[in-house]
Amino acid sequence: MQWYQIFQDGPEYEARKQKTAFTPTNLSLKDVHAAVPKHLFQRNTAKSMYYVLRHVTLTYAFYVLGTRIDGFIWTLGKTHAMSYVATVLLRSALWATYWFWQSIAFAGLWCLGEQTGHNALSPYPLFNAVVGIILHTFILVPYYSWRVTHRAHHKSTNNLERDETYIPPTRKDLKLPDGKVAVKMDYKEIIEETPAYTLFKLVMRQLLGYQLYILHNRKGNPKYPPWTSHYKPSSQIFKPEHRQSIIVSDVCIATMLVVLCIWTLKTGGLFVWKHYWVPIVTFTYLQHSDPTIPYYRRDQWTFARGALATVDRPFFGWIGRFFLHNIAHDHVAHHFFSMIPFYNQPKVTEAIKPVLRDHYNYDSTGIFFALWRSFRQCTFIEDDGDVVFFKNQQGEAVREVLGSAGVARAH
């Protein structure tokens, strides 16, 4: 990919967009399952532990290097009599580099914890639970409560009645006029935003969106009452048998917050801010939010259709492979086979692509441009219709269902 191509749509996205008429698949799960060699389903505890220890070691190494940045700059400035401007520029560059790599490392901890939530690292549930609690608690994710809703998301991906993670706003939610009478001016006056404000919202969602979802179900399924929280054992998102494990998650998060407070008191708030809080990032928005990907209502949804309502993306190339453990590269395969360990998922992707054919979604668009595109284009969906696509700030969709949404019945 040439440098300028990171600011334009990938050819796969363009090809999908050209197929404006969409027909939901009646793909057989049996056929998909049969395409995957049996040995890829095997989970190797020792191999998984190696990947966990390698990742934790690198995360700690980044931290150690980060603690030496200011001292290195001071020594360099004294030795070479650097100017104030040069010192500031070099310090800024080094801190930005550290924040990038440490944020990637923290995201990788999330990915490994997500694997344990599916029992994908080991056939032993206790191993998965212990590793998952440690990894997720460190980055302030309540392990058990998030595992419950994340598993529900996998069972109901892009099902507008039952999905847990993200439900798009509808025309009614945004108080837009009826689509039959609305004109571009109506959309412009109500929902069109300046690029600067869109960028601000995008950054805020990426930095805070995940924690706000955990805290009070922001952007989650609206069927739950306001302030439904992953921290509340009695929340309607949980069943009674989940409550003890939710309390365990809460105790772990409270313990981590105490540790952070003690660390702050000993080292200072600025130190903890630079080494812990800044690197925490989220990135799951792009795996499902795309103008060419459908959402389903009622009996139009099937597990296969939901799994195919995902997109594989070469997130930062080898960095995504190495540090994010294939979560973006092989997200479609992960939704079909969430209990297969991440190190086998590339082979699973190659095995199922011939079966999925044109229904397999891949997008090589540069990650930042794709994020900007989705944030601008994925504005709302219609309140009616069994199969719907995102519409943009002008009320336009890039794809539509072939014929009536009720024609292609799920089997």
Protein backbone atom coordinates (compact mmCIF):
# COMPACT_ATOMS: atom_id res chain seq x y z
CA MET A 1 0.00 0.00 0.00
CA GLN A 2 1.33 3.43 -0.97
CA TRP A 3 1.32 6.13 1.72
CA TYR A 4 -1.44 8.13 0.05
CA GLN A 5 -3.74 5.09 -0.03
CA ILE A 6 -4.26 5.27 3.73
CA PHE A 7 -6.55 8.25 2.99
CA GLN A 8 -8.85 6.52 0.51
CA ASP A 9 -11.27 3.58 0.45
CA GLY A 10 -9.75 0.16 -0.03
CA PRO A 11 -10.61 -1.75 -3.23
CA GLU A 12 -12.57 -4.37 -1.26
CA TYR A 13 -14.80 -1.70 0.26
CA GLU A 14 -15.31 -0.11 -3.15
CA ALA A 15 -16.29 -3.48 -4.63
CA ARG A 16 -18.78 -4.10 -1.82
CA LYS A 17 -20.23 -0.63 -2.26
CA GLN A 18 -20.75 -1.25 -5.97
CA LYS A 19 -23.03 -4.17 -5.12
CA THR A 20 -25.79 -1.85 -3.97
CA ALA A 21 -28.44 -4.59 -3.98
CA PHE A 22 -27.91 -6.91 -1.02
CA THR A 23 -29.39 -10.37 -0.57
CA PRO A 24 -29.01 -11.99 2.89
CA THR A 25 -27.19 -15.29 2.78
CA ASN A 26 -28.70 -18.66 3.68
CA LEU A 27 -25.26 -20.10 4.33
CA SER A 28 -25.19 -23.42 6.16
CA LEU A 29 -23.22 -23.45 9.41
CA LYS A 30 -22.58 -27.13 8.81
CA ASP A 31 -20.69 -26.29 5.61
CA VAL A 32 -18.60 -23.64 7.36
CA HIS A 33 -17.80 -25.97 10.24
CA ALA A 34 -16.85 -28.81 7.89
CA ALA A 35 -14.29 -26.60 6.12
CA VAL A 36 -12.16 -26.17 9.25
CA PRO A 37 -9.59 -28.90 10.00
CA LYS A 38 -10.27 -30.51 13.37
CA HIS A 39 -6.81 -29.87 14.79
CA LEU A 40 -7.41 -26.10 14.66
CA PHE A 41 -10.03 -26.46 17.39
CA GLN A 42 -7.45 -27.78 19.86
CA ARG A 43 -6.39 -25.42 22.66
CA ASN A 44 -2.83 -25.70 23.95
CA THR A 45 -2.42 -24.36 27.48
CA ALA A 46 1.38 -24.20 27.36
CA LYS A 47 1.40 -22.43 24.00
CA SER A 48 -1.20 -19.95 25.19
CA MET A 49 0.76 -19.28 28.36
CA TYR A 50 3.84 -18.53 26.26
CA TYR A 51 1.92 -15.86 24.33
CA VAL A 52 0.54 -14.36 27.54
CA LEU A 53 3.95 -14.20 29.23
CA ARG A 54 5.55 -12.78 26.08
CA HIS A 55 2.96 -10.04 25.89
CA VAL A 56 3.14 -9.16 29.59
CA THR A 57 6.94 -9.03 29.38
CA LEU A 58 6.85 -6.64 26.42
CA THR A 59 4.25 -4.47 28.16
CA TYR A 60 6.51 -4.21 31.20
CA ALA A 61 9.53 -3.50 28.98
CA PHE A 62 7.68 -0.60 27.37
CA TYR A 63 6.91 0.75 30.84
CA VAL A 64 10.57 0.53 31.90
CA LEU A 65 11.66 2.34 28.75
CA GLY A 66 8.99 4.97 29.38
CA THR A 67 10.34 5.69 32.86
CA ARG A 68 13.70 6.52 31.31
CA ILE A 69 12.49 9.05 28.74
CA ASP A 70 12.83 12.20 30.86
CA GLY A 71 16.21 11.13 32.26
CA PHE A 72 17.47 10.36 28.77
CA ILE A 73 16.35 13.77 27.50
CA TRP A 74 18.02 15.53 30.44
CA THR A 75 21.31 13.68 29.90
CA LEU A 76 21.21 14.28 26.16
CA GLY A 77 20.48 17.97 26.67
CA LYS A 78 23.38 18.38 29.08
CA THR A 79 25.82 16.44 26.90
CA HIS A 80 25.02 18.13 23.61
CA ALA A 81 23.76 21.52 24.84
CA MET A 82 20.45 21.09 23.06
CA SER A 83 18.19 24.11 22.62
CA TYR A 84 14.92 24.39 24.50
CA VAL A 85 12.89 23.90 21.31
CA ALA A 86 14.87 20.81 20.30
CA THR A 87 14.46 19.38 23.80
CA VAL A 88 10.70 19.90 23.77
CA LEU A 89 10.33 18.41 20.29
CA LEU A 90 12.40 15.33 21.13
CA ARG A 91 10.61 14.79 24.44
CA SER A 92 7.23 15.08 22.72
CA ALA A 93 8.27 12.62 20.01
CA LEU A 94 9.52 10.06 22.51
CA TRP A 95 6.43 10.31 24.70
CA ALA A 96 4.15 10.01 21.67
CA THR A 97 6.09 6.92 20.59
CA TYR A 98 5.79 5.41 24.06
CA TRP A 99 2.06 6.11 24.26
CA PHE A 100 1.46 4.50 20.89
CA TRP A 101 3.29 1.29 21.71
CA GLN A 102 2.02 1.03 25.27
CA SER A 103 -1.56 1.65 24.15
CA ILE A 104 -1.13 -1.17 21.61
CA ALA A 105 0.23 -3.37 24.39
CA PHE A 106 -2.72 -2.55 26.67
CA ALA A 107 -5.12 -3.30 23.83
CA GLY A 108 -3.35 -6.62 23.43
CA LEU A 109 -4.01 -7.41 27.09
CA TRP A 110 -7.69 -6.78 26.36
CA CYS A 111 -7.51 -9.15 23.38
CA LEU A 112 -5.94 -11.94 25.42
CA GLY A 113 -8.53 -11.39 28.16
CA GLU A 114 -11.26 -11.59 25.53
CA GLN A 115 -9.85 -14.95 24.45
CA THR A 116 -10.09 -16.27 28.00
CA GLY A 117 -13.70 -15.10 28.15
CA HIS A 118 -14.44 -17.56 25.34
CA ASN A 119 -12.32 -20.28 27.02
CA ALA A 120 -10.17 -20.15 23.88
CA LEU A 121 -6.72 -20.26 25.48
CA SER A 122 -7.05 -23.50 27.39
CA PRO A 123 -9.43 -26.44 27.82
CA TYR A 124 -9.23 -25.75 31.57
CA PRO A 125 -11.84 -23.15 32.65
CA LEU A 126 -9.87 -22.23 35.79
CA PHE A 127 -6.82 -21.31 33.71
CA ASN A 128 -8.91 -19.08 31.47
CA ALA A 129 -10.63 -17.45 34.44
CA VAL A 130 -7.45 -16.67 36.40
CA VAL A 131 -5.57 -15.30 33.39
CA GLY A 132 -8.61 -13.35 32.21
CA ILE A 133 -9.25 -11.76 35.61
CA ILE A 134 -5.62 -10.66 35.95
CA LEU A 135 -5.35 -9.22 32.44
CA HIS A 136 -8.73 -7.51 32.33
CA THR A 137 -8.59 -6.14 35.86
CA PHE A 138 -5.25 -4.50 35.09
CA ILE A 139 -6.90 -2.44 32.32
CA LEU A 140 -10.06 -1.85 34.41
CA VAL A 141 -12.36 -4.26 32.60
CA PRO A 142 -14.73 -6.18 34.92
CA TYR A 143 -13.94 -9.67 33.68
CA TYR A 144 -17.02 -11.70 34.53
CA SER A 145 -19.64 -9.04 33.85
CA TRP A 146 -18.14 -8.10 30.50
CA ARG A 147 -17.79 -11.79 29.60
CA VAL A 148 -21.54 -12.27 30.07
CA THR A 149 -22.55 -9.48 27.70
CA HIS A 150 -19.77 -10.18 25.24
CA ARG A 151 -20.87 -13.78 24.88
CA ALA A 152 -24.42 -12.54 24.35
CA HIS A 153 -23.04 -10.24 21.62
CA HIS A 154 -21.46 -13.22 19.88
CA LYS A 155 -24.73 -15.12 20.03
CA SER A 156 -26.70 -12.18 18.59
CA THR A 157 -24.28 -10.15 16.48
CA ASN A 158 -26.05 -7.28 14.67
CA ASN A 159 -29.44 -8.48 15.89
CA LEU A 160 -31.27 -5.25 16.70
CA GLU A 161 -33.46 -6.93 19.29
CA ARG A 162 -30.84 -8.98 21.13
CA ASP A 163 -27.31 -7.69 20.52
CA GLU A 164 -25.71 -6.25 23.66
CA THR A 165 -22.68 -4.26 22.58
CA TYR A 166 -23.89 -1.52 20.24
CA ILE A 167 -27.33 -0.65 18.89
CA PRO A 168 -27.31 2.15 16.30
CA PRO A 169 -29.64 5.14 16.76
CA THR A 170 -32.75 5.11 14.59
CA ARG A 171 -34.54 7.83 12.63
CA LYS A 172 -36.95 8.20 15.55
CA ASP A 173 -34.11 8.42 18.10
CA LEU A 174 -32.64 11.39 16.22
CA LYS A 175 -36.09 12.98 15.75
CA LEU A 176 -35.69 13.03 11.98
CA PRO A 177 -38.66 13.57 9.65
CA ASP A 178 -40.20 10.63 7.83
CA GLY A 179 -37.90 9.35 5.09
CA LYS A 180 -40.63 9.76 2.45
CA VAL A 181 -40.87 13.50 2.99
CA ALA A 182 -37.41 14.41 4.29
CA VAL A 183 -35.10 16.42 2.06
CA LYS A 184 -31.37 17.05 2.42
CA MET A 185 -32.03 20.34 4.19
CA ASP A 186 -33.89 18.47 6.96
CA TYR A 187 -30.88 16.25 7.63
CA LYS A 188 -28.46 19.15 7.41
CA GLU A 189 -30.33 21.20 10.00
CA ILE A 190 -30.68 18.31 12.45
CA ILE A 191 -27.65 16.03 12.24
CA GLU A 192 -24.98 17.45 9.92
CA GLU A 193 -21.84 18.33 11.85
CA THR A 194 -18.66 20.25 11.12
CA PRO A 195 -15.57 18.09 10.54
CA ALA A 196 -13.99 19.49 13.70
CA TYR A 197 -16.97 18.52 15.87
CA THR A 198 -17.11 15.08 14.25
CA LEU A 199 -13.42 14.59 15.02
CA PHE A 200 -14.00 15.64 18.63
CA LYS A 201 -16.85 13.13 19.01
CA LEU A 202 -14.80 10.41 17.35
CA VAL A 203 -11.89 10.91 19.76
CA MET A 204 -14.19 10.99 22.77
CA ARG A 205 -15.93 7.79 21.72
CA GLN A 206 -12.66 5.99 21.17
CA LEU A 207 -11.21 7.14 24.48
CA LEU A 208 -14.28 6.91 26.71
CA GLY A 209 -16.94 4.96 24.83
CA TYR A 210 -16.05 1.52 26.14
CA GLN A 211 -15.89 2.60 29.79
CA LEU A 212 -19.18 4.51 29.48
CA TYR A 213 -20.80 1.40 28.01
CA ILE A 214 -19.54 -0.64 30.97
CA LEU A 215 -20.59 2.03 33.46
CA HIS A 216 -24.13 2.78 32.28
CA ASN A 217 -24.81 0.92 29.01
CA ARG A 218 -24.14 3.92 26.78
CA LYS A 219 -24.84 2.95 23.14
CA GLY A 220 -25.90 -0.50 24.37
CA ASN A 221 -29.25 -2.17 23.85
CA PRO A 222 -32.02 0.36 24.70
CA LYS A 223 -34.32 -2.38 25.99
CA TYR A 224 -32.63 -2.01 29.38
CA PRO A 225 -33.56 0.79 31.82
CA PRO A 226 -31.35 3.89 32.11
CA TRP A 227 -28.08 3.50 33.99
CA THR A 228 -27.95 -0.25 33.53
CA SER A 229 -24.42 -1.02 34.68
CA HIS A 230 -21.95 -3.88 34.36
CA TYR A 231 -20.92 -3.13 37.93
CA LYS A 232 -24.38 -3.76 39.39
CA PRO A 233 -25.02 -7.48 40.10
CA SER A 234 -28.80 -6.97 39.91
CA SER A 235 -28.68 -5.37 36.44
CA GLN A 236 -31.11 -6.84 33.94
CA ILE A 237 -28.22 -7.71 31.62
CA PHE A 238 -27.37 -10.52 34.06
CA LYS A 239 -29.16 -13.64 35.19
CA PRO A 240 -29.43 -14.48 38.91
CA GLU A 241 -26.76 -17.18 38.58
CA HIS A 242 -24.27 -14.55 37.37
CA ARG A 243 -24.45 -12.35 40.43
CA GLN A 244 -21.70 -13.93 42.53
CA SER A 245 -19.21 -13.70 39.68
CA ILE A 246 -20.22 -10.07 39.05
CA ILE A 247 -19.37 -9.29 42.67
CA VAL A 248 -15.97 -10.95 42.16
CA SER A 249 -15.36 -8.67 39.16
CA ASP A 250 -16.36 -5.61 41.18
CA VAL A 251 -14.00 -6.55 44.02
CA CYS A 252 -11.15 -6.99 41.53
CA ILE A 253 -11.80 -3.59 39.93
CA ALA A 254 -12.03 -1.92 43.35
CA THR A 255 -8.71 -3.53 44.30
CA MET A 256 -7.09 -2.25 41.11
CA LEU A 257 -8.38 1.26 41.80
CA VAL A 258 -6.86 1.11 45.29
CA VAL A 259 -3.56 0.02 43.77
CA LEU A 260 -3.72 2.95 41.34
CA CYS A 261 -4.44 5.36 44.19
CA ILE A 262 -1.47 4.06 46.20
CA TRP A 263 0.73 4.26 43.10
CA THR A 264 -0.44 7.83 42.54
CA LEU A 265 0.30 8.84 46.12
CA LYS A 266 3.80 7.39 45.89
CA THR A 267 4.80 8.60 42.44
CA GLY A 268 2.51 11.55 41.72
CA GLY A 269 -0.57 11.96 39.56
CA LEU A 270 1.39 13.07 36.48
CA PHE A 271 3.54 9.93 36.54
CA VAL A 272 0.53 7.60 36.66
CA TRP A 273 -1.27 9.68 34.03
CA LYS A 274 1.63 9.38 31.59
CA HIS A 275 2.36 5.71 32.19
CA TYR A 276 -1.10 4.22 32.71
CA TRP A 277 -4.09 6.37 31.84
CA VAL A 278 -2.95 7.78 28.49
CA PRO A 279 -2.18 4.36 26.92
CA ILE A 280 -5.63 2.92 27.61
CA VAL A 281 -7.52 2.88 24.30
CA THR A 282 -10.47 1.11 22.69
CA PHE A 283 -10.86 -0.05 19.11
CA THR A 284 -13.84 -2.41 18.68
CA TYR A 285 -16.07 0.12 16.86
CA LEU A 286 -14.66 -0.65 13.41
CA GLN A 287 -15.17 -4.40 13.59
CA HIS A 288 -18.94 -4.04 13.15
CA SER A 289 -19.74 -0.46 12.14
CA ASP A 290 -19.43 -0.13 8.38
CA PRO A 291 -21.77 1.44 5.79
CA THR A 292 -21.83 -1.79 3.77
CA ILE A 293 -22.69 -4.12 6.67
CA PRO A 294 -26.35 -4.91 7.52
CA TYR A 295 -28.29 -5.11 10.77
CA TYR A 296 -31.17 -7.56 11.18
CA ARG A 297 -34.55 -7.61 12.90
CA ARG A 298 -36.91 -10.44 13.82
CA ASP A 299 -36.55 -13.76 11.98
CA GLN A 300 -34.26 -12.31 9.30
CA TRP A 301 -31.36 -12.81 11.67
CA THR A 302 -29.45 -16.09 11.82
CA PHE A 303 -26.17 -16.90 13.55
CA ALA A 304 -24.39 -17.13 10.19
CA ARG A 305 -25.78 -13.77 9.04
CA GLY A 306 -24.66 -12.18 12.29
CA ALA A 307 -21.18 -13.67 12.07
CA LEU A 308 -20.89 -12.36 8.51
CA ALA A 309 -21.94 -8.87 9.64
CA THR A 310 -18.31 -8.33 10.63
CA VAL A 311 -15.23 -7.10 8.78
CA ASP A 312 -11.65 -8.36 8.73
CA ARG A 313 -9.17 -5.49 8.71
CA PRO A 314 -5.34 -5.58 8.55
CA PHE A 315 -5.16 -3.39 11.65
CA PHE A 316 -1.63 -1.88 11.63
CA GLY A 317 -0.30 -4.84 9.63
CA TRP A 318 2.16 -7.01 11.56
CA ILE A 319 1.54 -4.97 14.71
CA GLY A 320 -2.07 -6.14 14.78
CA ARG A 321 -0.97 -9.72 14.20
CA PHE A 322 1.71 -9.67 16.89
CA PHE A 323 0.28 -7.42 19.60
CA LEU A 324 -3.49 -7.64 19.03
CA HIS A 325 -3.43 -11.39 18.43
CA ASN A 326 -5.35 -11.42 15.13
CA ILE A 327 -8.49 -9.90 16.66
CA ALA A 328 -8.99 -7.52 13.71
CA HIS A 329 -7.35 -9.56 10.97
CA ASP A 330 -9.53 -12.63 11.60
CA HIS A 331 -12.65 -11.20 13.18
CA VAL A 332 -15.06 -13.04 10.87
CA ALA A 333 -13.52 -16.41 11.75
CA HIS A 334 -13.56 -15.42 15.42
CA HIS A 335 -17.31 -14.85 15.26
CA PHE A 336 -17.91 -18.23 13.70
CA PHE A 337 -15.53 -20.07 16.04
CA SER A 338 -14.89 -18.00 19.17
CA MET A 339 -13.43 -20.97 21.11
CA ILE A 340 -10.63 -21.52 18.59
CA PRO A 341 -7.41 -19.91 19.93
CA PHE A 342 -6.21 -16.77 18.20
CA TYR A 343 -3.01 -18.38 16.94
CA ASN A 344 -5.09 -20.79 14.81
CA GLN A 345 -7.49 -18.16 13.47
CA PRO A 346 -5.45 -17.17 10.37
CA LYS A 347 -5.71 -20.76 9.12
CA VAL A 348 -9.42 -20.80 9.96
CA THR A 349 -9.93 -17.66 7.87
CA GLU A 350 -8.22 -19.24 4.87
CA ALA A 351 -10.23 -22.44 5.33
CA ILE A 352 -13.64 -20.79 5.39
CA LYS A 353 -13.17 -18.09 2.73
CA PRO A 354 -13.98 -20.50 -0.15
CA VAL A 355 -17.23 -21.41 1.62
CA LEU A 356 -18.19 -17.81 2.45
CA ARG A 357 -17.33 -16.59 -1.06
CA ASP A 358 -18.73 -13.08 -1.71
CA HIS A 359 -20.19 -12.89 1.80
CA TYR A 360 -16.73 -12.68 3.35
CA ASN A 361 -15.98 -9.06 4.28
CA TYR A 362 -12.45 -7.72 4.16
CA ASP A 363 -11.31 -4.10 4.02
CA SER A 364 -7.75 -2.88 3.52
CA THR A 365 -8.73 0.78 3.98
CA GLY A 366 -6.27 2.59 6.25
CA ILE A 367 -7.52 2.24 9.81
CA PHE A 368 -7.80 5.95 10.61
CA PHE A 369 -9.55 6.77 7.35
CA ALA A 370 -11.91 3.81 7.87
CA LEU A 371 -12.71 5.08 11.37
CA TRP A 372 -13.41 8.57 10.04
CA ARG A 373 -15.54 7.12 7.20
CA SER A 374 -17.62 4.97 9.53
CA PHE A 375 -18.11 7.80 11.98
CA ARG A 376 -19.34 10.07 9.19
CA GLN A 377 -21.36 7.50 7.24
CA CYS A 378 -22.81 5.33 10.03
CA THR A 379 -25.21 7.92 11.47
CA PHE A 380 -28.56 6.13 11.88
CA ILE A 381 -30.75 3.26 10.70
CA GLU A 382 -34.44 3.15 9.84
CA ASP A 383 -36.99 2.20 12.48
CA ASP A 384 -38.65 -0.22 10.07
CA GLY A 385 -37.32 -3.04 7.93
CA ASP A 386 -36.07 -6.50 8.76
CA VAL A 387 -32.68 -5.85 7.10
CA VAL A 388 -31.29 -2.32 7.32
CA PHE A 389 -28.08 -0.46 6.53
CA PHE A 390 -26.57 2.64 8.05
CA LYS A 391 -27.49 5.98 6.53
CA ASN A 392 -25.22 9.02 6.51
CA GLN A 393 -25.78 12.62 7.53
CA GLN A 394 -27.62 13.23 4.27
CA GLY A 395 -30.01 10.34 4.85
CA GLU A 396 -28.37 8.17 2.17
CA ALA A 397 -27.35 4.49 2.36
CA VAL A 398 -24.69 2.94 0.14
CA ARG A 399 -26.54 -0.40 -0.02
CA GLU A 400 -30.12 -1.64 0.13
CA VAL A 401 -31.85 -4.99 0.42
CA LEU A 402 -32.81 -6.62 -2.87
CA GLY A 403 -36.59 -6.34 -2.97
CA SER A 404 -38.55 -6.33 0.26
CA ALA A 405 -36.72 -7.03 3.50
CA GLY A 406 -39.21 -9.75 4.20
CA VAL A 407 -38.60 -11.60 0.94
CA ALA A 408 -35.38 -13.38 1.81
CA ARG A 409 -36.51 -15.48 4.71
CA ALA A 410 -34.02 -16.96 7.14
CA HIS A 411 -33.64 -20.72 7.22
